Amino acid sequence: MLNRSIMMTKKWFLLLIGIVIFYSPYAWAENAADFYKGKTITLIPSSGAGAATDVLSRAAAQYLGEAIDVKVKVENMARNKGLNYVFSQAKPDGALFLRRPRSGRSLSRHLG
């Protein structure tokens, strides 16, 4: 069980790094440490505190902060509050990431 959660954390962390590289406008000209120097990266899990999405986001924040030596904070915004915040109030500076939980119920009806 622990190995599975570590593997999921590593996969999520690698996905996060991939997002930083491909969606950051300055990532091609400079490395992530230079781009985020002096900034605070914010991860927003769309779940309550203690949920699986929150735990994985906090683990990814810890690894990301150590990997590129920046401050990373996690702000929980349950349900659609995180999505509404990202699209209506957040600055588009490349330092904010939204993590939505996956729902097995929505997939099960499509799989038969």
C-alpha atoms as a PDB file:
ATOM      1  CA  MET A   1       0.000   0.000   0.000  1.00  0.00           C
ATOM      2  CA  LEU A   2       2.794   2.419   0.906  1.00  0.00           C
ATOM      3  CA  ASN A   3       4.730   1.610  -2.283  1.00  0.00           C
ATOM      4  CA  ARG A   4       1.640   2.301  -4.360  1.00  0.00           C
ATOM      5  CA  SER A   5       1.108   5.710  -2.742  1.00  0.00           C
ATOM      6  CA  ILE A   6       4.792   6.571  -3.238  1.00  0.00           C
ATOM      7  CA  MET A   7       4.538   5.601  -6.913  1.00  0.00           C
ATOM      8  CA  MET A   8       1.405   7.724  -7.322  1.00  0.00           C
ATOM      9  CA  THR A   9       3.176  10.638  -5.652  1.00  0.00           C
ATOM     10  CA  LYS A  10       6.140  10.275  -7.992  1.00  0.00           C
ATOM     11  CA  LYS A  11       3.855  10.097 -11.030  1.00  0.00           C
ATOM     12  CA  TRP A  12       1.937  13.183  -9.890  1.00  0.00           C
ATOM     13  CA  PHE A  13       5.184  15.019  -9.221  1.00  0.00           C
ATOM     14  CA  LEU A  14       6.507  14.166 -12.686  1.00  0.00           C
ATOM     15  CA  LEU A  15       3.229  15.319 -14.215  1.00  0.00           C
ATOM     16  CA  LEU A  16       3.494  18.587 -12.305  1.00  0.00           C
ATOM     17  CA  ILE A  17       7.037  19.150 -13.548  1.00  0.00           C
ATOM     18  CA  GLY A  18       5.836  18.401 -17.084  1.00  0.00           C
ATOM     19  CA  ILE A  19       3.113  21.016 -16.759  1.00  0.00           C
ATOM     20  CA  VAL A  20       5.643  23.561 -15.527  1.00  0.00           C
ATOM     21  CA  ILE A  21       7.922  22.863 -18.486  1.00  0.00           C
ATOM     22  CA  PHE A  22       5.260  22.865 -21.210  1.00  0.00           C
ATOM     23  CA  TYR A  23       2.926  25.617 -20.010  1.00  0.00           C
ATOM     24  CA  SER A  24       5.318  28.125 -18.538  1.00  0.00           C
ATOM     25  CA  PRO A  25       6.154  30.794 -21.136  1.00  0.00           C
ATOM     26  CA  TYR A  26       9.709  31.256 -19.924  1.00  0.00           C
ATOM     27  CA  ALA A  27      10.530  27.607 -19.267  1.00  0.00           C
ATOM     28  CA  TRP A  28      12.285  27.228 -22.628  1.00  0.00           C
ATOM     29  CA  ALA A  29      14.626  30.154 -21.982  1.00  0.00           C
ATOM     30  CA  GLU A  30      15.468  29.491 -18.342  1.00  0.00           C
ATOM     31  CA  ASN A  31      15.215  26.641 -15.899  1.00  0.00           C
ATOM     32  CA  ALA A  32      12.410  26.289 -13.364  1.00  0.00           C
ATOM     33  CA  ALA A  33      14.524  27.428 -10.416  1.00  0.00           C
ATOM     34  CA  ASP A  34      15.276  30.754 -12.132  1.00  0.00           C
ATOM     35  CA  PHE A  35      11.680  31.236 -13.296  1.00  0.00           C
ATOM     36  CA  TYR A  36      10.201  30.658  -9.832  1.00  0.00           C
ATOM     37  CA  LYS A  37      12.911  32.474  -7.875  1.00  0.00           C
ATOM     38  CA  GLY A  38      11.195  34.811  -5.415  1.00  0.00           C
ATOM     39  CA  LYS A  39       7.721  33.451  -6.253  1.00  0.00           C
ATOM     40  CA  THR A  40       5.475  31.196  -4.238  1.00  0.00           C
ATOM     41  CA  ILE A  41       3.960  28.246  -6.083  1.00  0.00           C
ATOM     42  CA  THR A  42       0.391  27.530  -5.021  1.00  0.00           C
ATOM     43  CA  LEU A  43      -1.219  24.117  -5.383  1.00  0.00           C
ATOM     44  CA  ILE A  44      -5.000  24.048  -5.019  1.00  0.00           C
ATOM     45  CA  PRO A  45      -6.501  20.616  -4.391  1.00  0.00           C
ATOM     46  CA  SER A  46     -10.252  20.732  -4.962  1.00  0.00           C
ATOM     47  CA  SER A  47     -10.993  18.675  -1.884  1.00  0.00           C
ATOM     48  CA  GLY A  48     -11.230  18.997   1.850  1.00  0.00           C
ATOM     49  CA  ALA A  49      -8.246  18.709   4.145  1.00  0.00           C
ATOM     50  CA  GLY A  50      -7.133  15.122   4.671  1.00  0.00           C
ATOM     51  CA  ALA A  51      -8.625  13.755   1.439  1.00  0.00           C
ATOM     52  CA  ALA A  52      -6.446  11.756  -0.939  1.00  0.00           C
ATOM     53  CA  THR A  53      -6.111  14.680  -3.340  1.00  0.00           C
ATOM     54  CA  ASP A  54      -4.962  16.891  -0.480  1.00  0.00           C
ATOM     55  CA  VAL A  55      -2.414  14.359   0.779  1.00  0.00           C
ATOM     56  CA  LEU A  56      -0.941  13.848  -2.704  1.00  0.00           C
ATOM     57  CA  SER A  57      -0.813  17.607  -3.288  1.00  0.00           C
ATOM     58  CA  ARG A  58       1.054  18.145  -0.028  1.00  0.00           C
ATOM     59  CA  ALA A  59       3.542  15.391  -0.871  1.00  0.00           C
ATOM     60  CA  ALA A  60       4.089  16.883  -4.330  1.00  0.00           C
ATOM     61  CA  ALA A  61       4.502  20.345  -2.803  1.00  0.00           C
ATOM     62  CA  GLN A  62       7.201  19.065  -0.483  1.00  0.00           C
ATOM     63  CA  TYR A  63       9.152  17.388  -3.288  1.00  0.00           C
ATOM     64  CA  LEU A  64       8.692  20.311  -5.664  1.00  0.00           C
ATOM     65  CA  GLY A  65       9.898  22.791  -3.060  1.00  0.00           C
ATOM     66  CA  GLU A  66      13.025  20.730  -2.428  1.00  0.00           C
ATOM     67  CA  ALA A  67      13.678  20.074  -6.128  1.00  0.00           C
ATOM     68  CA  ILE A  68      13.697  23.673  -7.323  1.00  0.00           C
ATOM     69  CA  ASP A  69      14.242  25.427  -3.970  1.00  0.00           C
ATOM     70  CA  VAL A  70      11.102  27.562  -3.848  1.00  0.00           C
ATOM     71  CA  LYS A  71       8.275  28.054  -1.382  1.00  0.00           C
ATOM     72  CA  VAL A  72       5.247  25.922  -2.236  1.00  0.00           C
ATOM     73  CA  LYS A  73       1.942  26.279  -0.410  1.00  0.00           C
ATOM     74  CA  VAL A  74      -1.193  24.183  -0.572  1.00  0.00           C
ATOM     75  CA  GLU A  75      -4.603  25.877  -0.307  1.00  0.00           C
ATOM     76  CA  ASN A  76      -7.643  23.637  -0.072  1.00  0.00           C
ATOM     77  CA  MET A  77     -10.717  24.876  -1.906  1.00  0.00           C
ATOM     78  CA  ALA A  78     -13.412  22.231  -1.773  1.00  0.00           C
ATOM     79  CA  ARG A  79     -15.677  21.420  -4.691  1.00  0.00           C
ATOM     80  CA  ASN A  80     -15.776  24.082  -7.414  1.00  0.00           C
ATOM     81  CA  LYS A  81     -14.361  26.925  -5.334  1.00  0.00           C
ATOM     82  CA  GLY A  82     -10.850  26.157  -6.600  1.00  0.00           C
ATOM     83  CA  LEU A  83     -11.974  26.065 -10.217  1.00  0.00           C
ATOM     84  CA  ASN A  84     -13.894  29.325  -9.840  1.00  0.00           C
ATOM     85  CA  TYR A  85     -10.899  30.979  -8.173  1.00  0.00           C
ATOM     86  CA  VAL A  86      -8.465  29.892 -10.888  1.00  0.00           C
ATOM     87  CA  PHE A  87     -10.628  31.202 -13.718  1.00  0.00           C
ATOM     88  CA  SER A  88     -11.959  34.382 -12.105  1.00  0.00           C
ATOM     89  CA  GLN A  89      -9.461  35.810  -9.601  1.00  0.00           C
ATOM     90  CA  ALA A  90      -6.026  34.192  -9.963  1.00  0.00           C
ATOM     91  CA  LYS A  91      -3.155  35.973 -11.688  1.00  0.00           C
ATOM     92  CA  PRO A  92      -1.882  34.125 -14.798  1.00  0.00           C
ATOM     93  CA  ASP A  93       1.735  34.119 -13.641  1.00  0.00           C
ATOM     94  CA  GLY A  94       2.465  30.383 -13.954  1.00  0.00           C
ATOM     95  CA  ALA A  95       2.697  29.819 -10.201  1.00  0.00           C
ATOM     96  CA  LEU A  96      -0.762  28.364  -9.563  1.00  0.00           C
ATOM     97  CA  PHE A  97      -1.824  24.771 -10.168  1.00  0.00           C
ATOM     98  CA  LEU A  98      -5.265  23.245  -9.663  1.00  0.00           C
ATOM     99  CA  ARG A  99      -5.579  19.575  -8.700  1.00  0.00           C
ATOM    100  CA  ARG A 100      -9.007  18.068  -9.301  1.00  0.00           C
ATOM    101  CA  PRO A 101      -9.924  14.689  -7.757  1.00  0.00           C
ATOM    102  CA  ARG A 102     -10.739  11.835 -10.084  1.00  0.00           C
ATOM    103  CA  SER A 103     -14.127  10.249  -9.768  1.00  0.00           C
ATOM    104  CA  GLY A 104     -14.567   6.532 -10.334  1.00  0.00           C
ATOM    105  CA  ARG A 105     -18.319   6.984 -10.549  1.00  0.00           C
ATOM    106  CA  SER A 106     -18.135   9.148 -13.648  1.00  0.00           C
ATOM    107  CA  LEU A 107     -15.849   6.665 -15.394  1.00  0.00           C
ATOM    108  CA  SER A 108     -17.848   3.562 -14.458  1.00  0.00           C
ATOM    109  CA  ARG A 109     -20.940   4.592 -16.426  1.00  0.00           C
ATOM    110  CA  HIS A 110     -18.841   4.971 -19.595  1.00  0.00           C
ATOM    111  CA  LEU A 111     -17.085   1.639 -19.166  1.00  0.00           C
ATOM    112  CA  GLY A 112     -20.289  -0.377 -19.049  1.00  0.00           C
END
